Amino acid sequence: MNAFKLIAEASFVVQLILFSLLLFSVFSWAIILFKRRTLRQSSAQSKRFLSAFRKSRNLDDVNEAVRKYQASPLAAMFEAGFREVNLLAKRNPSGTPKADRMENIERALQRVSNAEIAKMERMMSFLATTGSVTPFIGLFGTVWGIMDAFQRIGVLRSASLVTVAPGIAEALIATAAGLFAAVPAVIAYNFFLHRIKDIITEMEDFHLEFLNVAERLYGP
């Protein structure tokens, strides 16, 4: 039996289910490829930016290198912190209490950190939804196909393999399609979640490191 022929001859409900599973699979693979590229780029640029940050003698030199690492969340945090440092220096040339100054810088860093985390976690919910929902959609197609097979038995009054096989086959195709959509989405979701957690840890460490540098250089 040809799988494409079975799908073409399947009931409208099963065809609709298979089409929806195909859409889930296409969108999830598009997200997987996009997240893989962006997270890899983010990690690579963060490593290079962190190396430049630790080798520099002052924050002005690092600020010049920020443009090279636009995909790095660490560079975005640095840019926000450096902007806040300069703003405080211009508004208070005589100096403000160290605690207030550090608190303002910390809020700026935290704000950008939250935005970068939200950007990294974007579209992750679709992968989680695909991994949890598509097996049940495929199961619904399986149940519908089996019902159709039993209905044919009742209409034709025959339980031969020729009568039952098409309905059972389209039912199993729906199950396979559900798993085909779900398994890659679950694997990718867990993999990306682990990568995002690692990047968040780097961001938290950089948060503290930037505050220490800013305190030494700009604190009264």
C-alpha atoms as a PDB file:
ATOM      1  CA  MET A   1       0.000   0.000   0.000  1.00  0.00           C
ATOM      2  CA  ASN A   2       1.236   3.478  -0.886  1.00  0.00           C
ATOM      3  CA  ALA A   3       1.218   5.959   1.991  1.00  0.00           C
ATOM      4  CA  PHE A   4       0.389   8.931  -0.224  1.00  0.00           C
ATOM      5  CA  LYS A   5      -2.475   7.010  -1.795  1.00  0.00           C
ATOM      6  CA  LEU A   6      -3.810   6.148   1.666  1.00  0.00           C
ATOM      7  CA  ILE A   7      -3.666   9.797   2.697  1.00  0.00           C
ATOM      8  CA  ALA A   8      -5.405  10.870  -0.515  1.00  0.00           C
ATOM      9  CA  GLU A   9      -8.174   8.312   0.061  1.00  0.00           C
ATOM     10  CA  ALA A  10      -8.474   8.967   3.800  1.00  0.00           C
ATOM     11  CA  SER A  11     -11.502  10.643   5.306  1.00  0.00           C
ATOM     12  CA  PHE A  12     -11.676  14.432   5.420  1.00  0.00           C
ATOM     13  CA  VAL A  13     -11.180  14.455   9.211  1.00  0.00           C
ATOM     14  CA  VAL A  14      -7.996  12.383   9.014  1.00  0.00           C
ATOM     15  CA  GLN A  15      -6.681  14.541   6.180  1.00  0.00           C
ATOM     16  CA  LEU A  16      -7.390  17.660   8.236  1.00  0.00           C
ATOM     17  CA  ILE A  17      -5.553  16.151  11.196  1.00  0.00           C
ATOM     18  CA  LEU A  18      -2.558  15.223   9.047  1.00  0.00           C
ATOM     19  CA  PHE A  19      -2.473  18.715   7.562  1.00  0.00           C
ATOM     20  CA  SER A  20      -2.517  20.303  11.025  1.00  0.00           C
ATOM     21  CA  LEU A  21       0.310  17.999  12.138  1.00  0.00           C
ATOM     22  CA  LEU A  22       2.270  18.972   9.045  1.00  0.00           C
ATOM     23  CA  LEU A  23       1.874  22.648   9.942  1.00  0.00           C
ATOM     24  CA  PHE A  24       3.020  21.969  13.517  1.00  0.00           C
ATOM     25  CA  SER A  25       6.052  20.104  12.192  1.00  0.00           C
ATOM     26  CA  VAL A  26       7.012  22.769   9.631  1.00  0.00           C
ATOM     27  CA  PHE A  27       6.726  25.625  12.122  1.00  0.00           C
ATOM     28  CA  SER A  28       8.579  23.732  14.850  1.00  0.00           C
ATOM     29  CA  TRP A  29      11.452  22.888  12.488  1.00  0.00           C
ATOM     30  CA  ALA A  30      11.635  26.518  11.388  1.00  0.00           C
ATOM     31  CA  ILE A  31      11.866  27.566  15.038  1.00  0.00           C
ATOM     32  CA  ILE A  32      14.451  24.869  15.768  1.00  0.00           C
ATOM     33  CA  LEU A  33      16.734  26.057  12.971  1.00  0.00           C
ATOM     34  CA  PHE A  34      16.247  29.714  13.930  1.00  0.00           C
ATOM     35  CA  LYS A  35      16.889  29.160  17.657  1.00  0.00           C
ATOM     36  CA  ARG A  36      19.901  26.975  16.935  1.00  0.00           C
ATOM     37  CA  ARG A  37      21.476  29.713  14.822  1.00  0.00           C
ATOM     38  CA  THR A  38      20.667  32.601  17.179  1.00  0.00           C
ATOM     39  CA  LEU A  39      21.730  30.816  20.384  1.00  0.00           C
ATOM     40  CA  ARG A  40      24.957  29.613  18.806  1.00  0.00           C
ATOM     41  CA  GLN A  41      25.699  33.123  17.557  1.00  0.00           C
ATOM     42  CA  SER A  42      24.826  34.590  20.948  1.00  0.00           C
ATOM     43  CA  SER A  43      27.142  32.190  22.811  1.00  0.00           C
ATOM     44  CA  ALA A  44      30.047  32.716  20.413  1.00  0.00           C
ATOM     45  CA  GLN A  45      29.813  36.510  20.500  1.00  0.00           C
ATOM     46  CA  SER A  46      29.390  36.544  24.278  1.00  0.00           C
ATOM     47  CA  LYS A  47      32.650  34.629  24.700  1.00  0.00           C
ATOM     48  CA  ARG A  48      34.515  37.045  22.442  1.00  0.00           C
ATOM     49  CA  PHE A  49      32.945  40.076  24.117  1.00  0.00           C
ATOM     50  CA  LEU A  50      33.741  38.784  27.604  1.00  0.00           C
ATOM     51  CA  SER A  51      37.351  38.243  26.571  1.00  0.00           C
ATOM     52  CA  ALA A  52      37.557  41.822  25.261  1.00  0.00           C
ATOM     53  CA  PHE A  53      35.894  43.155  28.405  1.00  0.00           C
ATOM     54  CA  ARG A  54      38.357  41.434  30.727  1.00  0.00           C
ATOM     55  CA  LYS A  55      41.393  42.474  28.692  1.00  0.00           C
ATOM     56  CA  SER A  56      40.434  46.169  28.491  1.00  0.00           C
ATOM     57  CA  ARG A  57      41.753  48.730  30.942  1.00  0.00           C
ATOM     58  CA  ASN A  58      38.685  50.988  30.946  1.00  0.00           C
ATOM     59  CA  LEU A  59      35.040  50.840  29.935  1.00  0.00           C
ATOM     60  CA  ASP A  60      35.450  53.313  27.066  1.00  0.00           C
ATOM     61  CA  ASP A  61      37.575  50.807  25.152  1.00  0.00           C
ATOM     62  CA  VAL A  62      34.963  48.106  25.637  1.00  0.00           C
ATOM     63  CA  ASN A  63      32.202  50.417  24.461  1.00  0.00           C
ATOM     64  CA  GLU A  64      33.980  50.745  21.105  1.00  0.00           C
ATOM     65  CA  ALA A  65      33.888  46.964  20.668  1.00  0.00           C
ATOM     66  CA  VAL A  66      30.191  46.589  21.499  1.00  0.00           C
ATOM     67  CA  ARG A  67      29.168  47.188  17.871  1.00  0.00           C
ATOM     68  CA  LYS A  68      30.938  43.972  16.824  1.00  0.00           C
ATOM     69  CA  TYR A  69      28.866  41.842  19.195  1.00  0.00           C
ATOM     70  CA  GLN A  70      25.261  42.902  18.638  1.00  0.00           C
ATOM     71  CA  ALA A  71      24.004  39.327  19.086  1.00  0.00           C
ATOM     72  CA  SER A  72      25.551  39.031  22.554  1.00  0.00           C
ATOM     73  CA  PRO A  73      23.284  39.652  25.565  1.00  0.00           C
ATOM     74  CA  LEU A  74      26.381  40.560  27.566  1.00  0.00           C
ATOM     75  CA  ALA A  75      27.163  43.353  25.106  1.00  0.00           C
ATOM     76  CA  ALA A  76      23.584  44.644  25.452  1.00  0.00           C
ATOM     77  CA  MET A  77      23.929  44.621  29.241  1.00  0.00           C
ATOM     78  CA  PHE A  78      27.252  46.414  29.063  1.00  0.00           C
ATOM     79  CA  GLU A  79      25.830  49.058  26.740  1.00  0.00           C
ATOM     80  CA  ALA A  80      22.958  49.763  29.147  1.00  0.00           C
ATOM     81  CA  GLY A  81      25.260  49.857  32.165  1.00  0.00           C
ATOM     82  CA  PHE A  82      27.818  52.060  30.459  1.00  0.00           C
ATOM     83  CA  ARG A  83      25.078  54.444  29.322  1.00  0.00           C
ATOM     84  CA  GLU A  84      23.802  54.688  32.889  1.00  0.00           C
ATOM     85  CA  VAL A  85      27.300  55.296  34.235  1.00  0.00           C
ATOM     86  CA  ASN A  86      27.851  58.187  31.797  1.00  0.00           C
ATOM     87  CA  LEU A  87      24.410  59.608  32.514  1.00  0.00           C
ATOM     88  CA  LEU A  88      25.045  59.639  36.249  1.00  0.00           C
ATOM     89  CA  ALA A  89      28.449  61.210  35.731  1.00  0.00           C
ATOM     90  CA  LYS A  90      26.958  64.028  33.631  1.00  0.00           C
ATOM     91  CA  ARG A  91      24.073  64.701  36.002  1.00  0.00           C
ATOM     92  CA  ASN A  92      26.220  64.594  39.116  1.00  0.00           C
ATOM     93  CA  PRO A  93      29.748  65.751  38.306  1.00  0.00           C
ATOM     94  CA  SER A  94      30.426  66.244  41.972  1.00  0.00           C
ATOM     95  CA  GLY A  95      29.490  62.637  42.709  1.00  0.00           C
ATOM     96  CA  THR A  96      26.536  60.924  44.364  1.00  0.00           C
ATOM     97  CA  PRO A  97      26.536  58.448  47.213  1.00  0.00           C
ATOM     98  CA  LYS A  98      28.000  55.161  46.033  1.00  0.00           C
ATOM     99  CA  ALA A  99      24.969  53.079  47.078  1.00  0.00           C
ATOM    100  CA  ASP A 100      22.559  55.192  45.020  1.00  0.00           C
ATOM    101  CA  ARG A 101      24.827  55.157  41.990  1.00  0.00           C
ATOM    102  CA  MET A 102      25.308  51.388  42.083  1.00  0.00           C
ATOM    103  CA  GLU A 103      21.583  50.864  42.558  1.00  0.00           C
ATOM    104  CA  ASN A 104      20.806  52.844  39.397  1.00  0.00           C
ATOM    105  CA  ILE A 105      23.369  50.889  37.392  1.00  0.00           C
ATOM    106  CA  GLU A 106      22.043  47.610  38.768  1.00  0.00           C
ATOM    107  CA  ARG A 107      18.480  48.481  37.735  1.00  0.00           C
ATOM    108  CA  ALA A 108      19.660  49.311  34.211  1.00  0.00           C
ATOM    109  CA  LEU A 109      21.503  46.012  33.945  1.00  0.00           C
ATOM    110  CA  GLN A 110      18.538  44.056  35.305  1.00  0.00           C
ATOM    111  CA  ARG A 111      16.120  45.696  32.886  1.00  0.00           C
ATOM    112  CA  VAL A 112      18.198  44.747  29.850  1.00  0.00           C
ATOM    113  CA  SER A 113      18.850  41.295  31.281  1.00  0.00           C
ATOM    114  CA  ASN A 114      15.121  40.635  31.559  1.00  0.00           C
ATOM    115  CA  ALA A 115      14.587  41.832  27.987  1.00  0.00           C
ATOM    116  CA  GLU A 116      17.358  39.583  26.659  1.00  0.00           C
ATOM    117  CA  ILE A 117      15.998  36.564  28.521  1.00  0.00           C
ATOM    118  CA  ALA A 118      12.527  37.204  27.120  1.00  0.00           C
ATOM    119  CA  LYS A 119      14.043  37.429  23.624  1.00  0.00           C
ATOM    120  CA  MET A 120      15.848  34.098  24.036  1.00  0.00           C
ATOM    121  CA  GLU A 121      12.745  32.364  25.379  1.00  0.00           C
ATOM    122  CA  ARG A 122      10.580  33.674  22.532  1.00  0.00           C
ATOM    123  CA  MET A 123       8.888  30.877  20.527  1.00  0.00           C
ATOM    124  CA  MET A 124       9.990  28.254  23.045  1.00  0.00           C
ATOM    125  CA  SER A 125       6.369  27.883  24.139  1.00  0.00           C
ATOM    126  CA  PHE A 126       5.436  26.742  20.610  1.00  0.00           C
ATOM    127  CA  LEU A 127       7.974  23.909  20.825  1.00  0.00           C
ATOM    128  CA  ALA A 128       6.586  22.889  24.216  1.00  0.00           C
ATOM    129  CA  THR A 129       3.033  23.015  22.852  1.00  0.00           C
ATOM    130  CA  THR A 130       3.998  20.976  19.796  1.00  0.00           C
ATOM    131  CA  GLY A 131       5.691  18.336  21.928  1.00  0.00           C
ATOM    132  CA  SER A 132       2.725  17.959  24.253  1.00  0.00           C
ATOM    133  CA  VAL A 133      -0.235  18.389  21.880  1.00  0.00           C
ATOM    134  CA  THR A 134       0.668  16.695  18.599  1.00  0.00           C
ATOM    135  CA  PRO A 135       0.743  13.110  19.982  1.00  0.00           C
ATOM    136  CA  PHE A 136      -2.850  13.574  21.137  1.00  0.00           C
ATOM    137  CA  ILE A 137      -3.858  15.064  17.788  1.00  0.00           C
ATOM    138  CA  GLY A 138      -2.307  12.025  16.109  1.00  0.00           C
ATOM    139  CA  LEU A 139      -4.114   9.765  18.578  1.00  0.00           C
ATOM    140  CA  PHE A 140      -7.397  11.416  17.680  1.00  0.00           C
ATOM    141  CA  GLY A 141      -6.661  10.657  14.015  1.00  0.00           C
ATOM    142  CA  THR A 142      -5.913   7.070  14.990  1.00  0.00           C
ATOM    143  CA  VAL A 143      -9.217   6.683  16.799  1.00  0.00           C
ATOM    144  CA  TRP A 144     -11.072   8.253  13.891  1.00  0.00           C
ATOM    145  CA  GLY A 145      -9.363   5.916  11.401  1.00  0.00           C
ATOM    146  CA  ILE A 146     -10.255   2.862  13.467  1.00  0.00           C
ATOM    147  CA  MET A 147     -13.847   4.051  13.695  1.00  0.00           C
ATOM    148  CA  ASP A 148     -13.875   4.421   9.927  1.00  0.00           C
ATOM    149  CA  ALA A 149     -12.502   0.883   9.555  1.00  0.00           C
ATOM    150  CA  PHE A 150     -15.270  -0.559  11.750  1.00  0.00           C
ATOM    151  CA  GLN A 151     -17.839   1.429   9.809  1.00  0.00           C
ATOM    152  CA  ARG A 152     -16.608  -0.145   6.577  1.00  0.00           C
ATOM    153  CA  ILE A 153     -16.931  -3.553   8.160  1.00  0.00           C
ATOM    154  CA  GLY A 154     -20.549  -2.780   9.003  1.00  0.00           C
ATOM    155  CA  VAL A 155     -21.330  -1.436   5.534  1.00  0.00           C
ATOM    156  CA  LEU A 156     -19.597  -4.206   3.582  1.00  0.00           C
ATOM    157  CA  ARG A 157     -20.400  -6.920   6.151  1.00  0.00           C
ATOM    158  CA  SER A 158     -16.920  -8.279   5.777  1.00  0.00           C
ATOM    159  CA  ALA A 159     -13.970  -8.306   8.179  1.00  0.00           C
ATOM    160  CA  SER A 160     -11.406  -9.266   5.573  1.00  0.00           C
ATOM    161  CA  LEU A 161      -7.986  -7.636   5.434  1.00  0.00           C
ATOM    162  CA  VAL A 162      -8.919  -5.768   2.256  1.00  0.00           C
ATOM    163  CA  THR A 163     -11.806  -4.126   4.109  1.00  0.00           C
ATOM    164  CA  VAL A 164     -10.020  -3.307   7.358  1.00  0.00           C
ATOM    165  CA  ALA A 165      -6.489  -2.506   6.159  1.00  0.00           C
ATOM    166  CA  PRO A 166      -7.062   0.973   4.629  1.00  0.00           C
ATOM    167  CA  GLY A 167      -8.730   2.356   7.757  1.00  0.00           C
ATOM    168  CA  ILE A 168      -6.134   0.864  10.098  1.00  0.00           C
ATOM    169  CA  ALA A 169      -3.319   2.080   7.861  1.00  0.00           C
ATOM    170  CA  GLU A 170      -4.540   5.679   7.808  1.00  0.00           C
ATOM    171  CA  ALA A 171      -5.000   5.464  11.568  1.00  0.00           C
ATOM    172  CA  LEU A 172      -1.384   4.378  12.038  1.00  0.00           C
ATOM    173  CA  ILE A 173      -0.199   7.118   9.674  1.00  0.00           C
ATOM    174  CA  ALA A 174      -1.877   9.681  11.943  1.00  0.00           C
ATOM    175  CA  THR A 175      -0.069   8.205  14.951  1.00  0.00           C
ATOM    176  CA  ALA A 176       3.269   8.293  13.141  1.00  0.00           C
ATOM    177  CA  ALA A 177       2.682  11.884  12.014  1.00  0.00           C
ATOM    178  CA  GLY A 178       1.938  12.951  15.588  1.00  0.00           C
ATOM    179  CA  LEU A 179       5.156  11.383  16.849  1.00  0.00           C
ATOM    180  CA  PHE A 180       7.136  12.815  13.928  1.00  0.00           C
ATOM    181  CA  ALA A 181       6.009  16.305  14.941  1.00  0.00           C
ATOM    182  CA  ALA A 182       6.372  15.798  18.703  1.00  0.00           C
ATOM    183  CA  VAL A 183       9.742  14.069  19.147  1.00  0.00           C
ATOM    184  CA  PRO A 184      12.002  16.688  17.495  1.00  0.00           C
ATOM    185  CA  ALA A 185      10.115  19.490  19.265  1.00  0.00           C
ATOM    186  CA  VAL A 186      10.618  17.899  22.701  1.00  0.00           C
ATOM    187  CA  ILE A 187      14.305  17.184  22.087  1.00  0.00           C
ATOM    188  CA  ALA A 188      14.915  20.709  20.773  1.00  0.00           C
ATOM    189  CA  TYR A 189      12.976  22.299  23.635  1.00  0.00           C
ATOM    190  CA  ASN A 190      15.051  20.538  26.287  1.00  0.00           C
ATOM    191  CA  PHE A 191      18.298  21.265  24.443  1.00  0.00           C
ATOM    192  CA  PHE A 192      17.539  24.965  23.966  1.00  0.00           C
ATOM    193  CA  LEU A 193      16.288  25.301  27.532  1.00  0.00           C
ATOM    194  CA  HIS A 194      19.635  24.003  28.790  1.00  0.00           C
ATOM    195  CA  ARG A 195      21.522  26.423  26.513  1.00  0.00           C
ATOM    196  CA  ILE A 196      19.393  29.359  27.648  1.00  0.00           C
ATOM    197  CA  LYS A 197      20.029  28.491  31.303  1.00  0.00           C
ATOM    198  CA  ASP A 198      23.773  28.510  30.640  1.00  0.00           C
ATOM    199  CA  ILE A 199      23.530  31.924  28.968  1.00  0.00           C
ATOM    200  CA  ILE A 200      21.443  33.264  31.855  1.00  0.00           C
ATOM    201  CA  THR A 201      24.154  32.094  34.279  1.00  0.00           C
ATOM    202  CA  GLU A 202      26.750  33.964  32.206  1.00  0.00           C
ATOM    203  CA  MET A 203      24.564  37.063  32.296  1.00  0.00           C
ATOM    204  CA  GLU A 204      24.234  36.889  36.087  1.00  0.00           C
ATOM    205  CA  ASP A 205      27.993  36.533  36.463  1.00  0.00           C
ATOM    206  CA  PHE A 206      28.603  39.455  34.099  1.00  0.00           C
ATOM    207  CA  HIS A 207      26.068  41.526  36.027  1.00  0.00           C
ATOM    208  CA  LEU A 208      28.164  41.185  39.182  1.00  0.00           C
ATOM    209  CA  GLU A 209      31.436  41.631  37.313  1.00  0.00           C
ATOM    210  CA  PHE A 210      30.292  44.873  35.682  1.00  0.00           C
ATOM    211  CA  LEU A 211      29.099  46.262  39.016  1.00  0.00           C
ATOM    212  CA  ASN A 212      32.495  45.495  40.554  1.00  0.00           C
ATOM    213  CA  VAL A 213      34.329  47.239  37.717  1.00  0.00           C
ATOM    214  CA  ALA A 214      31.984  50.236  37.777  1.00  0.00           C
ATOM    215  CA  GLU A 215      32.360  50.540  41.535  1.00  0.00           C
ATOM    216  CA  ARG A 216      36.159  50.538  41.316  1.00  0.00           C
ATOM    217  CA  LEU A 217      36.300  53.008  38.445  1.00  0.00           C
ATOM    218  CA  TYR A 218      33.423  55.364  39.163  1.00  0.00           C
ATOM    219  CA  GLY A 219      32.496  54.970  42.804  1.00  0.00           C
ATOM    220  CA  PRO A 220      33.449  57.909  45.052  1.00  0.00           C
END
